[in-house]
Amino acid sequence: MTGYTATVTVRLKHGVLDPEAETTQQALERLGFELEDLRAADRFEVDLEAKSADAASERASEMAERLLANPTIHDYDVEVAER
């Protein structure tokens, strides 16, 4: 078994209201920053042991689907790196 760190990034799907990002975007614009859009996201870093990077990715995806993300309103990405 090898040690991996799986990074799971969870964000709201396009079209779902994101009041946190909207408020932050407005504040940044008041500070003089020009931006087209802003989306907030949650990032989870999971250290785990697995036989391969693919196996670690599958386990992290299962975690996202079962708990970390609500598939109705969230999209998520999984990135895996060996520790």
C-alpha atoms as a PDB file:
ATOM      1  CA  MET A   1       0.000   0.000   0.000  1.00  0.00           C
ATOM      2  CA  THR A   2       1.135   3.515  -0.783  1.00  0.00           C
ATOM      3  CA  GLY A   3       0.237   6.779   0.921  1.00  0.00           C
ATOM      4  CA  TYR A   4      -1.740   9.308  -1.127  1.00  0.00           C
ATOM      5  CA  THR A   5      -3.309  12.680  -0.548  1.00  0.00           C
ATOM      6  CA  ALA A   6      -6.613  13.108  -2.342  1.00  0.00           C
ATOM      7  CA  THR A   7      -7.801  16.680  -2.764  1.00  0.00           C
ATOM      8  CA  VAL A   8     -11.552  16.949  -3.231  1.00  0.00           C
ATOM      9  CA  THR A   9     -12.848  20.348  -4.375  1.00  0.00           C
ATOM     10  CA  VAL A  10     -16.609  20.823  -4.008  1.00  0.00           C
ATOM     11  CA  ARG A  11     -18.401  23.773  -5.580  1.00  0.00           C
ATOM     12  CA  LEU A  12     -21.950  24.722  -6.431  1.00  0.00           C
ATOM     13  CA  LYS A  13     -23.104  23.866  -9.942  1.00  0.00           C
ATOM     14  CA  HIS A  14     -23.553  26.715 -12.402  1.00  0.00           C
ATOM     15  CA  GLY A  15     -26.985  28.243 -11.965  1.00  0.00           C
ATOM     16  CA  VAL A  16     -27.224  27.490  -8.232  1.00  0.00           C
ATOM     17  CA  LEU A  17     -27.300  30.662  -6.147  1.00  0.00           C
ATOM     18  CA  ASP A  18     -24.022  31.253  -4.333  1.00  0.00           C
ATOM     19  CA  PRO A  19     -24.592  34.142  -1.886  1.00  0.00           C
ATOM     20  CA  GLU A  20     -21.133  33.802  -0.318  1.00  0.00           C
ATOM     21  CA  ALA A  21     -19.403  34.201  -3.680  1.00  0.00           C
ATOM     22  CA  GLU A  22     -21.753  37.009  -4.706  1.00  0.00           C
ATOM     23  CA  THR A  23     -20.976  38.992  -1.545  1.00  0.00           C
ATOM     24  CA  THR A  24     -17.238  38.387  -1.933  1.00  0.00           C
ATOM     25  CA  GLN A  25     -17.332  39.420  -5.601  1.00  0.00           C
ATOM     26  CA  GLN A  26     -19.111  42.660  -4.726  1.00  0.00           C
ATOM     27  CA  ALA A  27     -16.541  43.421  -2.021  1.00  0.00           C
ATOM     28  CA  LEU A  28     -13.652  42.764  -4.409  1.00  0.00           C
ATOM     29  CA  GLU A  29     -15.230  45.045  -7.020  1.00  0.00           C
ATOM     30  CA  ARG A  30     -15.637  47.803  -4.409  1.00  0.00           C
ATOM     31  CA  LEU A  31     -11.903  47.435  -3.728  1.00  0.00           C
ATOM     32  CA  GLY A  32     -11.224  48.096  -7.405  1.00  0.00           C
ATOM     33  CA  PHE A  33     -10.723  44.556  -8.687  1.00  0.00           C
ATOM     34  CA  GLU A  34     -12.298  43.746 -12.035  1.00  0.00           C
ATOM     35  CA  LEU A  35     -13.592  40.211 -12.426  1.00  0.00           C
ATOM     36  CA  GLU A  36     -16.174  38.439 -14.537  1.00  0.00           C
ATOM     37  CA  ASP A  37     -17.344  35.867 -12.012  1.00  0.00           C
ATOM     38  CA  LEU A  38     -16.433  34.343  -8.683  1.00  0.00           C
ATOM     39  CA  ARG A  39     -17.380  30.963  -7.258  1.00  0.00           C
ATOM     40  CA  ALA A  40     -16.765  29.741  -3.727  1.00  0.00           C
ATOM     41  CA  ALA A  41     -15.547  26.186  -3.145  1.00  0.00           C
ATOM     42  CA  ASP A  42     -14.755  23.842  -0.280  1.00  0.00           C
ATOM     43  CA  ARG A  43     -11.515  21.897  -0.421  1.00  0.00           C
ATOM     44  CA  PHE A  44     -10.918  18.679   1.487  1.00  0.00           C
ATOM     45  CA  GLU A  45      -7.512  17.007   1.728  1.00  0.00           C
ATOM     46  CA  VAL A  46      -7.742  13.323   2.607  1.00  0.00           C
ATOM     47  CA  ASP A  47      -4.654  11.277   3.459  1.00  0.00           C
ATOM     48  CA  LEU A  48      -5.191   7.594   2.740  1.00  0.00           C
ATOM     49  CA  GLU A  49      -3.457   4.335   1.900  1.00  0.00           C
ATOM     50  CA  ALA A  50      -4.325   2.618  -1.386  1.00  0.00           C
ATOM     51  CA  LYS A  51      -2.879   0.121  -3.857  1.00  0.00           C
ATOM     52  CA  SER A  52      -2.742   2.722  -6.642  1.00  0.00           C
ATOM     53  CA  ALA A  53      -3.535   6.330  -7.464  1.00  0.00           C
ATOM     54  CA  ASP A  54      -6.649   5.132  -9.316  1.00  0.00           C
ATOM     55  CA  ALA A  55      -7.838   3.248  -6.226  1.00  0.00           C
ATOM     56  CA  ALA A  56      -7.233   6.338  -4.062  1.00  0.00           C
ATOM     57  CA  SER A  57      -9.178   8.459  -6.544  1.00  0.00           C
ATOM     58  CA  GLU A  58     -12.084   6.004  -6.513  1.00  0.00           C
ATOM     59  CA  ARG A  59     -12.233   6.059  -2.705  1.00  0.00           C
ATOM     60  CA  ALA A  60     -12.120   9.865  -2.605  1.00  0.00           C
ATOM     61  CA  SER A  61     -14.849  10.053  -5.260  1.00  0.00           C
ATOM     62  CA  GLU A  62     -17.005   7.730  -3.185  1.00  0.00           C
ATOM     63  CA  MET A  63     -16.452   9.976  -0.147  1.00  0.00           C
ATOM     64  CA  ALA A  64     -17.541  12.982  -2.214  1.00  0.00           C
ATOM     65  CA  GLU A  65     -20.629  11.242  -3.560  1.00  0.00           C
ATOM     66  CA  ARG A  66     -21.705   9.878  -0.178  1.00  0.00           C
ATOM     67  CA  LEU A  67     -20.928  12.813   2.121  1.00  0.00           C
ATOM     68  CA  LEU A  68     -18.773  15.703   0.955  1.00  0.00           C
ATOM     69  CA  ALA A  69     -20.991  16.831  -1.944  1.00  0.00           C
ATOM     70  CA  ASN A  70     -24.702  16.914  -2.627  1.00  0.00           C
ATOM     71  CA  PRO A  71     -24.879  15.733  -6.260  1.00  0.00           C
ATOM     72  CA  THR A  72     -28.088  17.706  -6.808  1.00  0.00           C
ATOM     73  CA  ILE A  73     -26.379  21.064  -6.300  1.00  0.00           C
ATOM     74  CA  HIS A  74     -22.627  20.378  -6.257  1.00  0.00           C
ATOM     75  CA  ASP A  75     -19.902  19.445  -8.713  1.00  0.00           C
ATOM     76  CA  TYR A  76     -16.643  18.051  -7.417  1.00  0.00           C
ATOM     77  CA  ASP A  77     -13.132  17.323  -8.658  1.00  0.00           C
ATOM     78  CA  VAL A  78     -10.661  14.832  -7.240  1.00  0.00           C
ATOM     79  CA  GLU A  79      -6.875  15.133  -7.578  1.00  0.00           C
ATOM     80  CA  VAL A  80      -4.525  12.523  -6.134  1.00  0.00           C
ATOM     81  CA  ALA A  81      -0.823  12.844  -5.338  1.00  0.00           C
ATOM     82  CA  GLU A  82       1.519  10.353  -3.759  1.00  0.00           C
ATOM     83  CA  ARG A  83       2.768  11.398  -0.313  1.00  0.00           C
END
